[in-house]
């Protein structure tokens, strides 16, 4: 009951109510309680943010379960996600925990999350690393192939990142219409944790696009989105101040 209450409160954005329920479930050794409590601590928009505690919980989940959980078990999903979360701490470092940046270690965790647990977020992080050569041997073809596959599978963050590459025209042939079409879809369905940077990417592409590009993209967008339901702003978005507000410098 505590687990259900905690997860429901967390998903609704009621973090203060979620905290004691998730702590209780986590203390009882429930993997789902530990995982969602780690998410709560890792959330920068939360008043309960504590990345040290988040890191330790993700590590505990990995150390206790990565070698014993069956990859077909429903809990494997959360182990894979925990591996990816742990990798991101190594990618960025965690000075308050004495954790230095270690891209090689991060890549190892991501490879494990990808290979054994099929985590699409791990695939996305690896794709970016292959493009930059951070922690792995640079491999432009590998990075772009992974990114394209994720985009085709509907991975929101990968789609937004792919759109930015199309707009920049450095690693991919520039295509302003396709970039605007893709980022428009991504911004409509982006999850809360990805909203800020995807919103910024959308604003940059839309505001920089010509009227002709916007008109062409709009025609494609109408057909492309007909079967999709845009992600509405939630009460949690409103409280966190990240409800969509698209405005160019000229007021458009």
C-alpha atoms as a PDB file:
ATOM      1  CA  UNK A   1       0.000   0.000   0.000  1.00  0.00           C
ATOM      2  CA  UNK A   2       2.863   2.367   0.838  1.00  0.00           C
ATOM      3  CA  UNK A   3       4.521   1.552  -2.481  1.00  0.00           C
ATOM      4  CA  UNK A   4       1.369   2.265  -4.471  1.00  0.00           C
ATOM      5  CA  UNK A   5       0.762   5.492  -2.546  1.00  0.00           C
ATOM      6  CA  UNK A   6       4.354   6.641  -2.989  1.00  0.00           C
ATOM      7  CA  UNK A   7       4.534   5.931  -6.714  1.00  0.00           C
ATOM      8  CA  UNK A   8       1.159   7.585  -7.299  1.00  0.00           C
ATOM      9  CA  UNK A   9       2.182  10.699  -5.395  1.00  0.00           C
ATOM     10  CA  UNK A  10       5.532  10.864  -7.192  1.00  0.00           C
ATOM     11  CA  UNK A  11       3.960  10.579 -10.634  1.00  0.00           C
ATOM     12  CA  UNK A  12       1.461  13.265  -9.698  1.00  0.00           C
ATOM     13  CA  UNK A  13       4.254  15.623  -8.644  1.00  0.00           C
ATOM     14  CA  UNK A  14       3.397  15.480  -4.938  1.00  0.00           C
ATOM     15  CA  UNK A  15       6.952  14.805  -3.811  1.00  0.00           C
ATOM     16  CA  UNK A  16       6.579  15.614  -0.130  1.00  0.00           C
ATOM     17  CA  UNK A  17       3.765  13.080   0.182  1.00  0.00           C
ATOM     18  CA  UNK A  18       5.689  10.535  -1.871  1.00  0.00           C
ATOM     19  CA  UNK A  19       8.877  10.698   0.221  1.00  0.00           C
ATOM     20  CA  UNK A  20       7.793   8.936   3.460  1.00  0.00           C
ATOM     21  CA  UNK A  21       5.802   6.266   1.618  1.00  0.00           C
ATOM     22  CA  UNK A  22       8.674   5.450  -0.737  1.00  0.00           C
ATOM     23  CA  UNK A  23      11.202   5.454   2.116  1.00  0.00           C
ATOM     24  CA  UNK A  24       9.037   2.952   3.984  1.00  0.00           C
ATOM     25  CA  UNK A  25       8.786   0.694   0.930  1.00  0.00           C
ATOM     26  CA  UNK A  26      12.514   1.022   0.233  1.00  0.00           C
ATOM     27  CA  UNK A  27      13.412   0.190   3.842  1.00  0.00           C
ATOM     28  CA  UNK A  28      11.391  -2.999   3.442  1.00  0.00           C
ATOM     29  CA  UNK A  29      13.703  -3.981   0.599  1.00  0.00           C
ATOM     30  CA  UNK A  30      11.204  -3.455  -2.232  1.00  0.00           C
ATOM     31  CA  UNK A  31      13.111  -2.817  -5.453  1.00  0.00           C
ATOM     32  CA  UNK A  32      10.356  -0.612  -6.863  1.00  0.00           C
ATOM     33  CA  UNK A  33      10.385   1.459  -3.693  1.00  0.00           C
ATOM     34  CA  UNK A  34      14.158   1.882  -3.885  1.00  0.00           C
ATOM     35  CA  UNK A  35      14.016   2.774  -7.566  1.00  0.00           C
ATOM     36  CA  UNK A  36      11.307   5.420  -7.271  1.00  0.00           C
ATOM     37  CA  UNK A  37      12.898   6.860  -4.133  1.00  0.00           C
ATOM     38  CA  UNK A  38      16.147   7.182  -6.118  1.00  0.00           C
ATOM     39  CA  UNK A  39      14.229   8.957  -8.891  1.00  0.00           C
ATOM     40  CA  UNK A  40      12.767  11.325  -6.317  1.00  0.00           C
ATOM     41  CA  UNK A  41      16.188  12.173  -4.898  1.00  0.00           C
ATOM     42  CA  UNK A  42      17.633  12.562  -8.414  1.00  0.00           C
ATOM     43  CA  UNK A  43      14.919  14.988  -9.538  1.00  0.00           C
ATOM     44  CA  UNK A  44      16.423  18.482  -9.688  1.00  0.00           C
ATOM     45  CA  UNK A  45      12.967  20.048  -9.654  1.00  0.00           C
ATOM     46  CA  UNK A  46      12.165  18.486  -6.292  1.00  0.00           C
ATOM     47  CA  UNK A  47      12.594  20.060  -2.867  1.00  0.00           C
ATOM     48  CA  UNK A  48      13.903  16.655  -1.762  1.00  0.00           C
ATOM     49  CA  UNK A  49      16.799  16.542  -4.256  1.00  0.00           C
ATOM     50  CA  UNK A  50      19.765  14.607  -2.864  1.00  0.00           C
ATOM     51  CA  UNK A  51      22.049  13.193  -5.539  1.00  0.00           C
ATOM     52  CA  UNK A  52      24.273  11.420  -3.024  1.00  0.00           C
ATOM     53  CA  UNK A  53      21.313   9.378  -1.774  1.00  0.00           C
ATOM     54  CA  UNK A  54      20.097   8.834  -5.338  1.00  0.00           C
ATOM     55  CA  UNK A  55      23.505   7.543  -6.422  1.00  0.00           C
ATOM     56  CA  UNK A  56      23.727   5.171  -3.461  1.00  0.00           C
ATOM     57  CA  UNK A  57      20.255   3.764  -4.098  1.00  0.00           C
ATOM     58  CA  UNK A  58      20.910   3.193  -7.790  1.00  0.00           C
ATOM     59  CA  UNK A  59      24.208   1.506  -6.913  1.00  0.00           C
ATOM     60  CA  UNK A  60      22.508  -0.724  -4.333  1.00  0.00           C
ATOM     61  CA  UNK A  61      19.905  -1.796  -6.885  1.00  0.00           C
ATOM     62  CA  UNK A  62      22.623  -2.644  -9.400  1.00  0.00           C
ATOM     63  CA  UNK A  63      24.909  -4.479  -6.983  1.00  0.00           C
ATOM     64  CA  UNK A  64      22.088  -6.575  -5.541  1.00  0.00           C
ATOM     65  CA  UNK A  65      20.293  -7.410  -8.760  1.00  0.00           C
ATOM     66  CA  UNK A  66      22.382  -6.969 -11.925  1.00  0.00           C
ATOM     67  CA  UNK A  67      23.956 -10.437 -11.718  1.00  0.00           C
ATOM     68  CA  UNK A  68      20.960 -12.362 -10.427  1.00  0.00           C
ATOM     69  CA  UNK A  69      17.845 -10.916 -12.045  1.00  0.00           C
ATOM     70  CA  UNK A  70      16.553 -12.746 -15.094  1.00  0.00           C
ATOM     71  CA  UNK A  71      16.575 -10.398 -18.094  1.00  0.00           C
ATOM     72  CA  UNK A  72      13.011 -11.510 -18.829  1.00  0.00           C
ATOM     73  CA  UNK A  73      11.855 -10.687 -15.296  1.00  0.00           C
ATOM     74  CA  UNK A  74       9.714  -7.550 -15.054  1.00  0.00           C
ATOM     75  CA  UNK A  75      12.154  -6.166 -12.482  1.00  0.00           C
ATOM     76  CA  UNK A  76      14.958  -6.250 -15.077  1.00  0.00           C
ATOM     77  CA  UNK A  77      13.588  -3.032 -16.562  1.00  0.00           C
ATOM     78  CA  UNK A  78      14.363  -1.143 -13.349  1.00  0.00           C
ATOM     79  CA  UNK A  79      17.814  -2.680 -12.992  1.00  0.00           C
ATOM     80  CA  UNK A  80      18.650  -1.510 -16.506  1.00  0.00           C
ATOM     81  CA  UNK A  81      17.381   1.973 -15.749  1.00  0.00           C
ATOM     82  CA  UNK A  82      19.430   2.045 -12.544  1.00  0.00           C
ATOM     83  CA  UNK A  83      22.568   1.099 -14.476  1.00  0.00           C
ATOM     84  CA  UNK A  84      21.933   3.964 -16.879  1.00  0.00           C
ATOM     85  CA  UNK A  85      21.318   6.396 -14.026  1.00  0.00           C
ATOM     86  CA  UNK A  86      24.534   5.285 -12.359  1.00  0.00           C
ATOM     87  CA  UNK A  87      26.415   5.750 -15.638  1.00  0.00           C
ATOM     88  CA  UNK A  88      25.176   9.329 -15.898  1.00  0.00           C
ATOM     89  CA  UNK A  89      26.674  10.108 -12.494  1.00  0.00           C
ATOM     90  CA  UNK A  90      30.021   8.872 -13.771  1.00  0.00           C
ATOM     91  CA  UNK A  91      29.594  10.891 -16.957  1.00  0.00           C
ATOM     92  CA  UNK A  92      29.015  14.125 -15.048  1.00  0.00           C
ATOM     93  CA  UNK A  93      30.792  13.415 -11.774  1.00  0.00           C
ATOM     94  CA  UNK A  94      29.372  13.935  -8.300  1.00  0.00           C
ATOM     95  CA  UNK A  95      31.809  16.152  -6.345  1.00  0.00           C
ATOM     96  CA  UNK A  96      29.726  16.131  -3.152  1.00  0.00           C
ATOM     97  CA  UNK A  97      30.158  12.348  -3.091  1.00  0.00           C
ATOM     98  CA  UNK A  98      33.827  12.387  -4.099  1.00  0.00           C
ATOM     99  CA  UNK A  99      32.910  10.862  -7.445  1.00  0.00           C
ATOM    100  CA  UNK A 100      35.086  12.057 -10.297  1.00  0.00           C
ATOM    101  CA  UNK A 101      34.084  11.989 -13.939  1.00  0.00           C
ATOM    102  CA  UNK A 102      34.898   8.642 -15.462  1.00  0.00           C
ATOM    103  CA  UNK A 103      33.548   8.288 -18.999  1.00  0.00           C
ATOM    104  CA  UNK A 104      35.122   4.852 -19.444  1.00  0.00           C
ATOM    105  CA  UNK A 105      33.334   3.477 -16.383  1.00  0.00           C
ATOM    106  CA  UNK A 106      30.147   5.165 -17.554  1.00  0.00           C
ATOM    107  CA  UNK A 107      30.451   3.476 -20.950  1.00  0.00           C
ATOM    108  CA  UNK A 108      30.880   0.087 -19.264  1.00  0.00           C
ATOM    109  CA  UNK A 109      27.668   0.551 -17.282  1.00  0.00           C
ATOM    110  CA  UNK A 110      25.826   1.749 -20.383  1.00  0.00           C
ATOM    111  CA  UNK A 111      27.032  -1.210 -22.433  1.00  0.00           C
ATOM    112  CA  UNK A 112      25.732  -3.545 -19.732  1.00  0.00           C
ATOM    113  CA  UNK A 113      22.390  -1.725 -19.538  1.00  0.00           C
ATOM    114  CA  UNK A 114      22.097  -1.897 -23.325  1.00  0.00           C
ATOM    115  CA  UNK A 115      23.365  -5.427 -23.966  1.00  0.00           C
ATOM    116  CA  UNK A 116      21.713  -7.297 -21.090  1.00  0.00           C
ATOM    117  CA  UNK A 117      18.688  -5.144 -20.273  1.00  0.00           C
ATOM    118  CA  UNK A 118      17.958  -3.402 -23.571  1.00  0.00           C
ATOM    119  CA  UNK A 119      17.502  -0.003 -21.965  1.00  0.00           C
ATOM    120  CA  UNK A 120      16.810   2.532 -24.755  1.00  0.00           C
ATOM    121  CA  UNK A 121      18.152   5.408 -22.642  1.00  0.00           C
ATOM    122  CA  UNK A 122      21.470   3.555 -22.399  1.00  0.00           C
ATOM    123  CA  UNK A 123      21.434   3.160 -26.184  1.00  0.00           C
ATOM    124  CA  UNK A 124      20.876   6.921 -26.494  1.00  0.00           C
ATOM    125  CA  UNK A 125      23.742   7.836 -24.167  1.00  0.00           C
ATOM    126  CA  UNK A 126      26.049   5.431 -26.009  1.00  0.00           C
ATOM    127  CA  UNK A 127      25.039   6.903 -29.360  1.00  0.00           C
ATOM    128  CA  UNK A 128      26.113  10.358 -28.186  1.00  0.00           C
ATOM    129  CA  UNK A 129      29.374   8.975 -26.792  1.00  0.00           C
ATOM    130  CA  UNK A 130      30.216   7.326 -30.132  1.00  0.00           C
ATOM    131  CA  UNK A 131      29.701  10.695 -31.825  1.00  0.00           C
ATOM    132  CA  UNK A 132      32.056  12.515 -29.449  1.00  0.00           C
ATOM    133  CA  UNK A 133      34.487   9.704 -28.596  1.00  0.00           C
ATOM    134  CA  UNK A 134      33.982  10.307 -24.882  1.00  0.00           C
ATOM    135  CA  UNK A 135      34.728   7.069 -22.999  1.00  0.00           C
ATOM    136  CA  UNK A 136      34.714   4.986 -26.193  1.00  0.00           C
ATOM    137  CA  UNK A 137      36.495   4.897 -29.524  1.00  0.00           C
ATOM    138  CA  UNK A 138      34.771   7.496 -31.726  1.00  0.00           C
ATOM    139  CA  UNK A 139      32.584   5.849 -34.340  1.00  0.00           C
ATOM    140  CA  UNK A 140      30.428   8.265 -36.296  1.00  0.00           C
ATOM    141  CA  UNK A 141      28.639   5.526 -38.221  1.00  0.00           C
ATOM    142  CA  UNK A 142      27.833   3.573 -35.058  1.00  0.00           C
ATOM    143  CA  UNK A 143      26.556   6.673 -33.282  1.00  0.00           C
ATOM    144  CA  UNK A 144      24.339   7.839 -36.128  1.00  0.00           C
ATOM    145  CA  UNK A 145      22.982   4.324 -36.751  1.00  0.00           C
ATOM    146  CA  UNK A 146      22.012   3.929 -33.098  1.00  0.00           C
ATOM    147  CA  UNK A 147      20.487   7.401 -33.057  1.00  0.00           C
ATOM    148  CA  UNK A 148      18.494   6.770 -36.241  1.00  0.00           C
ATOM    149  CA  UNK A 149      17.139   3.466 -34.913  1.00  0.00           C
ATOM    150  CA  UNK A 150      16.055   5.092 -31.672  1.00  0.00           C
ATOM    151  CA  UNK A 151      14.388   7.919 -33.544  1.00  0.00           C
ATOM    152  CA  UNK A 152      12.538   5.433 -35.743  1.00  0.00           C
ATOM    153  CA  UNK A 153      11.409   3.575 -32.597  1.00  0.00           C
ATOM    154  CA  UNK A 154       9.930   6.779 -31.157  1.00  0.00           C
ATOM    155  CA  UNK A 155      12.518   7.528 -28.473  1.00  0.00           C
ATOM    156  CA  UNK A 156      11.651  11.131 -27.617  1.00  0.00           C
ATOM    157  CA  UNK A 157      15.064  12.392 -26.481  1.00  0.00           C
ATOM    158  CA  UNK A 158      16.835  10.718 -29.405  1.00  0.00           C
ATOM    159  CA  UNK A 159      14.333  12.258 -31.816  1.00  0.00           C
ATOM    160  CA  UNK A 160      14.931  15.725 -30.374  1.00  0.00           C
ATOM    161  CA  UNK A 161      18.706  15.242 -30.537  1.00  0.00           C
ATOM    162  CA  UNK A 162      18.456  13.978 -34.121  1.00  0.00           C
ATOM    163  CA  UNK A 163      16.436  17.082 -34.995  1.00  0.00           C
ATOM    164  CA  UNK A 164      19.190  19.286 -33.568  1.00  0.00           C
ATOM    165  CA  UNK A 165      21.771  17.489 -35.740  1.00  0.00           C
ATOM    166  CA  UNK A 166      19.629  18.032 -38.841  1.00  0.00           C
ATOM    167  CA  UNK A 167      19.345  21.703 -37.947  1.00  0.00           C
ATOM    168  CA  UNK A 168      23.088  22.131 -37.368  1.00  0.00           C
ATOM    169  CA  UNK A 169      23.992  20.308 -40.585  1.00  0.00           C
ATOM    170  CA  UNK A 170      27.409  19.131 -39.388  1.00  0.00           C
ATOM    171  CA  UNK A 171      27.079  15.396 -38.791  1.00  0.00           C
ATOM    172  CA  UNK A 172      23.963  15.062 -40.940  1.00  0.00           C
ATOM    173  CA  UNK A 173      22.970  16.835 -44.126  1.00  0.00           C
ATOM    174  CA  UNK A 174      21.029  19.901 -43.085  1.00  0.00           C
ATOM    175  CA  UNK A 175      17.261  19.595 -43.427  1.00  0.00           C
ATOM    176  CA  UNK A 176      15.369  22.435 -41.764  1.00  0.00           C
ATOM    177  CA  UNK A 177      11.888  21.132 -42.566  1.00  0.00           C
ATOM    178  CA  UNK A 178      12.574  17.662 -41.180  1.00  0.00           C
ATOM    179  CA  UNK A 179      14.291  19.145 -38.126  1.00  0.00           C
ATOM    180  CA  UNK A 180      11.238  21.275 -37.335  1.00  0.00           C
ATOM    181  CA  UNK A 181       8.857  18.374 -37.940  1.00  0.00           C
ATOM    182  CA  UNK A 182      10.725  16.060 -35.602  1.00  0.00           C
ATOM    183  CA  UNK A 183      11.279  18.551 -32.802  1.00  0.00           C
ATOM    184  CA  UNK A 184       7.624  19.571 -32.953  1.00  0.00           C
ATOM    185  CA  UNK A 185       6.601  15.970 -32.256  1.00  0.00           C
ATOM    186  CA  UNK A 186       9.207  15.608 -29.513  1.00  0.00           C
ATOM    187  CA  UNK A 187       8.140  18.737 -27.679  1.00  0.00           C
ATOM    188  CA  UNK A 188       4.507  17.630 -27.697  1.00  0.00           C
ATOM    189  CA  UNK A 189       5.162  14.245 -26.071  1.00  0.00           C
ATOM    190  CA  UNK A 190       8.313  14.934 -24.010  1.00  0.00           C
ATOM    191  CA  UNK A 191       8.311  13.503 -20.467  1.00  0.00           C
ATOM    192  CA  UNK A 192       8.780  15.896 -17.560  1.00  0.00           C
ATOM    193  CA  UNK A 193      12.454  15.085 -16.997  1.00  0.00           C
ATOM    194  CA  UNK A 194      13.305  15.932 -20.621  1.00  0.00           C
ATOM    195  CA  UNK A 195      11.046  18.935 -21.099  1.00  0.00           C
ATOM    196  CA  UNK A 196      13.478  21.796 -20.440  1.00  0.00           C
ATOM    197  CA  UNK A 197      16.178  20.993 -23.000  1.00  0.00           C
ATOM    198  CA  UNK A 198      13.674  19.782 -25.594  1.00  0.00           C
ATOM    199  CA  UNK A 199      11.685  23.001 -25.150  1.00  0.00           C
ATOM    200  CA  UNK A 200      14.892  24.983 -25.663  1.00  0.00           C
ATOM    201  CA  UNK A 201      15.758  22.975 -28.782  1.00  0.00           C
ATOM    202  CA  UNK A 202      12.276  23.499 -30.206  1.00  0.00           C
ATOM    203  CA  UNK A 203      12.442  27.227 -29.568  1.00  0.00           C
ATOM    204  CA  UNK A 204      15.853  27.498 -31.228  1.00  0.00           C
ATOM    205  CA  UNK A 205      14.757  25.617 -34.359  1.00  0.00           C
ATOM    206  CA  UNK A 206      11.328  27.212 -34.711  1.00  0.00           C
ATOM    207  CA  UNK A 207      12.523  30.763 -34.122  1.00  0.00           C
ATOM    208  CA  UNK A 208      15.433  30.290 -36.524  1.00  0.00           C
ATOM    209  CA  UNK A 209      13.315  28.768 -39.293  1.00  0.00           C
ATOM    210  CA  UNK A 210      12.043  30.855 -42.166  1.00  0.00           C
ATOM    211  CA  UNK A 211       8.340  31.313 -42.852  1.00  0.00           C
ATOM    212  CA  UNK A 212       8.669  28.979 -45.839  1.00  0.00           C
ATOM    213  CA  UNK A 213      10.239  26.235 -43.747  1.00  0.00           C
ATOM    214  CA  UNK A 214       7.533  26.587 -41.117  1.00  0.00           C
ATOM    215  CA  UNK A 215       4.808  26.347 -43.752  1.00  0.00           C
ATOM    216  CA  UNK A 216       6.289  23.214 -45.336  1.00  0.00           C
ATOM    217  CA  UNK A 217       6.848  21.591 -41.958  1.00  0.00           C
ATOM    218  CA  UNK A 218       3.323  22.382 -40.822  1.00  0.00           C
ATOM    219  CA  UNK A 219       1.861  20.416 -43.724  1.00  0.00           C
ATOM    220  CA  UNK A 220       3.955  17.379 -42.831  1.00  0.00           C
ATOM    221  CA  UNK A 221       3.283  17.766 -39.122  1.00  0.00           C
ATOM    222  CA  UNK A 222      -0.495  17.605 -39.622  1.00  0.00           C
ATOM    223  CA  UNK A 223      -0.339  14.149 -41.188  1.00  0.00           C
ATOM    224  CA  UNK A 224       2.441  12.886 -38.968  1.00  0.00           C
ATOM    225  CA  UNK A 225       0.643  13.807 -35.738  1.00  0.00           C
ATOM    226  CA  UNK A 226      -2.874  12.800 -36.708  1.00  0.00           C
ATOM    227  CA  UNK A 227      -2.639   9.496 -34.839  1.00  0.00           C
ATOM    228  CA  UNK A 228      -0.701  10.876 -31.865  1.00  0.00           C
ATOM    229  CA  UNK A 229      -2.038  12.415 -28.694  1.00  0.00           C
ATOM    230  CA  UNK A 230       0.009  15.421 -27.512  1.00  0.00           C
ATOM    231  CA  UNK A 231       1.249  15.205 -23.960  1.00  0.00           C
ATOM    232  CA  UNK A 232      -0.780  17.783 -21.985  1.00  0.00           C
ATOM    233  CA  UNK A 233       0.815  19.944 -19.337  1.00  0.00           C
ATOM    234  CA  UNK A 234       0.124  18.441 -15.911  1.00  0.00           C
ATOM    235  CA  UNK A 235      -0.395  20.087 -12.549  1.00  0.00           C
ATOM    236  CA  UNK A 236       3.105  18.940 -11.672  1.00  0.00           C
ATOM    237  CA  UNK A 237       4.456  20.806 -14.706  1.00  0.00           C
ATOM    238  CA  UNK A 238       2.678  23.952 -13.607  1.00  0.00           C
ATOM    239  CA  UNK A 239       4.078  23.753 -10.070  1.00  0.00           C
ATOM    240  CA  UNK A 240       7.559  23.131 -11.406  1.00  0.00           C
ATOM    241  CA  UNK A 241       7.296  26.023 -13.824  1.00  0.00           C
ATOM    242  CA  UNK A 242       7.907  23.981 -16.976  1.00  0.00           C
ATOM    243  CA  UNK A 243       4.543  24.175 -18.681  1.00  0.00           C
ATOM    244  CA  UNK A 244       5.067  24.916 -22.388  1.00  0.00           C
ATOM    245  CA  UNK A 245       5.681  28.600 -23.099  1.00  0.00           C
ATOM    246  CA  UNK A 246       6.994  29.029 -26.616  1.00  0.00           C
ATOM    247  CA  UNK A 247       7.971  32.590 -27.449  1.00  0.00           C
ATOM    248  CA  UNK A 248      10.615  33.857 -29.852  1.00  0.00           C
ATOM    249  CA  UNK A 249      12.545  37.037 -29.159  1.00  0.00           C
ATOM    250  CA  UNK A 250      10.279  38.911 -31.590  1.00  0.00           C
ATOM    251  CA  UNK A 251       7.180  37.818 -29.665  1.00  0.00           C
ATOM    252  CA  UNK A 252       6.050  35.021 -31.992  1.00  0.00           C
END
